[in-house]
Amino acid sequence: MPRSKSEIIWLDKEVIGPAIKAVLKASESENVEISRLRDVEEDWDLFLRVLADGSLLLSAVAVRIP
C-alpha cells in the first residue's frame, strides 16, 4: 500500500500564544483540558499535521533543555 503524503506545520507560540492566554484567562474552572493547555503554554512545541484525507492531527512535544 503506498504511503499518503502529509504536511507538518510548526505552530509558532508568538502567533498562537495570545489565543492560548485568552482561553486560559476566560476559563472559569480547572479541568484536564485547561491543565494540559497550561502545560503547553509553558514549554511545549505544537505541530499540526494535515493528512491526505483532509483530517488534522495536533501534536505537542515537550521541550526540555538540560
N, C-alpha and C. Protein backbone atom coordinates (compact mmCIF):
# COMPACT_ATOMS: atom_id res chain seq x y z
N MET A 1 0.84 -1.18 0.00
CA MET A 1 0.00 0.00 0.00
C MET A 1 0.89 1.25 0.00
N PRO A 2 0.71 2.16 -0.94
CA PRO A 2 1.53 3.37 -1.00
C PRO A 2 1.21 4.30 0.16
N ARG A 3 2.22 5.01 0.61
CA ARG A 3 2.05 5.97 1.70
C ARG A 3 1.39 7.24 1.19
N SER A 4 0.53 7.79 2.01
CA SER A 4 -0.09 9.07 1.67
C SER A 4 0.83 10.20 2.10
N LYS A 5 0.86 11.22 1.30
CA LYS A 5 1.67 12.39 1.63
C LYS A 5 0.91 13.26 2.62
N SER A 6 1.62 13.80 3.60
CA SER A 6 1.01 14.72 4.54
C SER A 6 1.98 15.87 4.77
N GLU A 7 1.46 16.94 5.32
CA GLU A 7 2.27 18.11 5.59
C GLU A 7 2.26 18.38 7.08
N ILE A 8 3.43 18.73 7.63
CA ILE A 8 3.54 19.04 9.05
C ILE A 8 3.87 20.52 9.19
N ILE A 9 3.10 21.21 10.02
CA ILE A 9 3.26 22.65 10.21
C ILE A 9 3.57 22.92 11.68
N TRP A 10 4.66 23.65 11.93
CA TRP A 10 5.00 24.07 13.28
C TRP A 10 4.16 25.28 13.63
N LEU A 11 3.51 25.28 14.79
CA LEU A 11 2.68 26.40 15.22
C LEU A 11 3.50 27.31 16.14
N ASP A 12 3.82 28.49 15.66
CA ASP A 12 4.65 29.46 16.38
C ASP A 12 3.91 29.97 17.61
N LYS A 13 4.55 29.85 18.78
CA LYS A 13 3.92 30.28 20.03
C LYS A 13 3.68 31.78 20.08
N GLU A 14 4.50 32.57 19.38
CA GLU A 14 4.27 34.01 19.36
C GLU A 14 2.99 34.34 18.62
N VAL A 15 2.59 33.47 17.71
CA VAL A 15 1.37 33.69 16.94
C VAL A 15 0.15 33.14 17.68
N ILE A 16 0.25 31.90 18.19
CA ILE A 16 -0.91 31.30 18.85
C ILE A 16 -0.95 31.56 20.36
N GLY A 17 0.16 32.08 20.92
CA GLY A 17 0.24 32.35 22.35
C GLY A 17 -0.88 33.24 22.88
N PRO A 18 -1.19 34.35 22.20
CA PRO A 18 -2.28 35.20 22.69
C PRO A 18 -3.64 34.46 22.75
N ALA A 19 -3.89 33.58 21.81
CA ALA A 19 -5.14 32.81 21.83
C ALA A 19 -5.16 31.86 23.02
N ILE A 20 -4.03 31.20 23.28
CA ILE A 20 -3.95 30.30 24.43
C ILE A 20 -4.15 31.08 25.73
N LYS A 21 -3.50 32.24 25.84
CA LYS A 21 -3.65 33.07 27.04
C LYS A 21 -5.10 33.52 27.23
N ALA A 22 -5.78 33.87 26.15
CA ALA A 22 -7.17 34.31 26.24
C ALA A 22 -8.07 33.18 26.72
N VAL A 23 -7.84 31.97 26.22
CA VAL A 23 -8.64 30.82 26.66
C VAL A 23 -8.40 30.55 28.14
N LEU A 24 -7.15 30.59 28.57
CA LEU A 24 -6.84 30.34 29.98
C LEU A 24 -7.46 31.41 30.87
N LYS A 25 -7.40 32.67 30.43
CA LYS A 25 -7.96 33.76 31.22
C LYS A 25 -9.48 33.64 31.33
N ALA A 26 -10.13 33.21 30.26
CA ALA A 26 -11.58 33.12 30.23
C ALA A 26 -12.12 31.86 30.91
N SER A 27 -11.25 30.89 31.16
CA SER A 27 -11.73 29.63 31.75
C SER A 27 -12.19 29.86 33.18
N GLU A 28 -13.36 29.34 33.48
CA GLU A 28 -13.95 29.52 34.80
C GLU A 28 -13.62 28.38 35.75
N SER A 29 -13.25 27.23 35.21
CA SER A 29 -12.95 26.09 36.06
C SER A 29 -11.70 25.38 35.55
N GLU A 30 -11.05 24.70 36.45
CA GLU A 30 -9.85 23.94 36.10
C GLU A 30 -10.27 22.52 35.76
N ASN A 31 -9.99 22.09 34.55
CA ASN A 31 -10.27 20.72 34.16
C ASN A 31 -9.04 20.16 33.44
N VAL A 32 -9.14 18.95 32.98
CA VAL A 32 -7.98 18.30 32.35
C VAL A 32 -7.51 19.08 31.13
N GLU A 33 -8.44 19.55 30.31
CA GLU A 33 -8.06 20.27 29.10
C GLU A 33 -7.35 21.58 29.43
N ILE A 34 -7.85 22.32 30.41
CA ILE A 34 -7.23 23.58 30.80
C ILE A 34 -5.86 23.33 31.42
N SER A 35 -5.76 22.29 32.23
CA SER A 35 -4.47 21.93 32.82
C SER A 35 -3.45 21.60 31.74
N ARG A 36 -3.86 20.83 30.75
CA ARG A 36 -2.97 20.47 29.64
C ARG A 36 -2.57 21.72 28.85
N LEU A 37 -3.52 22.63 28.65
CA LEU A 37 -3.23 23.86 27.92
C LEU A 37 -2.22 24.72 28.66
N ARG A 38 -2.29 24.73 30.00
CA ARG A 38 -1.29 25.45 30.80
C ARG A 38 0.10 24.84 30.57
N ASP A 39 0.17 23.52 30.53
CA ASP A 39 1.45 22.85 30.26
C ASP A 39 1.98 23.23 28.89
N VAL A 40 1.10 23.22 27.90
CA VAL A 40 1.50 23.54 26.53
C VAL A 40 2.01 24.97 26.45
N GLU A 41 1.37 25.87 27.16
CA GLU A 41 1.77 27.28 27.14
C GLU A 41 3.20 27.46 27.65
N GLU A 42 3.59 26.65 28.62
CA GLU A 42 4.89 26.84 29.25
C GLU A 42 6.07 26.37 28.40
N ASP A 43 6.09 25.11 28.03
CA ASP A 43 7.31 24.63 27.39
C ASP A 43 7.09 23.49 26.40
N TRP A 44 6.08 23.61 25.56
CA TRP A 44 5.82 22.59 24.56
C TRP A 44 5.81 23.24 23.18
N ASP A 45 6.24 22.51 22.18
CA ASP A 45 6.10 22.94 20.80
C ASP A 45 4.90 22.23 20.20
N LEU A 46 4.14 22.94 19.40
CA LEU A 46 2.93 22.38 18.79
C LEU A 46 3.14 22.20 17.29
N PHE A 47 2.65 21.09 16.79
CA PHE A 47 2.73 20.77 15.37
C PHE A 47 1.36 20.35 14.88
N LEU A 48 1.00 20.80 13.70
CA LEU A 48 -0.26 20.43 13.07
C LEU A 48 0.08 19.62 11.83
N ARG A 49 -0.46 18.43 11.75
CA ARG A 49 -0.22 17.57 10.58
C ARG A 49 -1.51 17.48 9.78
N VAL A 50 -1.41 17.82 8.51
CA VAL A 50 -2.54 17.76 7.60
C VAL A 50 -2.42 16.47 6.80
N LEU A 51 -3.36 15.56 7.00
CA LEU A 51 -3.32 14.27 6.33
C LEU A 51 -3.95 14.35 4.94
N ALA A 52 -3.66 13.37 4.11
CA ALA A 52 -4.13 13.36 2.73
C ALA A 52 -5.65 13.40 2.63
N ASP A 53 -6.36 12.85 3.62
CA ASP A 53 -7.82 12.85 3.57
C ASP A 53 -8.44 14.14 4.11
N GLY A 54 -7.58 15.11 4.48
CA GLY A 54 -8.06 16.41 4.97
C GLY A 54 -8.20 16.49 6.47
N SER A 55 -7.99 15.40 7.17
CA SER A 55 -8.08 15.44 8.63
C SER A 55 -6.83 16.08 9.22
N LEU A 56 -6.95 16.55 10.45
CA LEU A 56 -5.86 17.24 11.14
C LEU A 56 -5.46 16.47 12.39
N LEU A 57 -4.17 16.51 12.68
CA LEU A 57 -3.64 15.87 13.88
C LEU A 57 -2.76 16.88 14.59
N LEU A 58 -3.10 17.24 15.82
CA LEU A 58 -2.33 18.18 16.60
C LEU A 58 -1.45 17.42 17.56
N SER A 59 -0.15 17.72 17.53
CA SER A 59 0.80 17.06 18.43
C SER A 59 1.54 18.10 19.25
N ALA A 60 1.76 17.78 20.51
CA ALA A 60 2.54 18.64 21.40
C ALA A 60 3.78 17.87 21.81
N VAL A 61 4.93 18.51 21.69
CA VAL A 61 6.20 17.87 22.02
C VAL A 61 6.87 18.70 23.12
N ALA A 62 7.22 18.05 24.23
CA ALA A 62 7.86 18.75 25.33
C ALA A 62 9.25 19.19 24.95
N VAL A 63 9.59 20.41 25.32
CA VAL A 63 10.91 20.97 25.06
C VAL A 63 11.67 20.94 26.37
N ARG A 64 12.68 20.13 26.43
CA ARG A 64 13.50 20.02 27.65
C ARG A 64 14.93 20.39 27.31
N ILE A 65 15.39 21.46 27.90
CA ILE A 65 16.77 21.90 27.68
C ILE A 65 17.54 21.63 28.97
N PRO A 66 18.59 20.78 28.88
CA PRO A 66 19.34 20.45 30.11
C PRO A 66 20.12 21.60 30.66
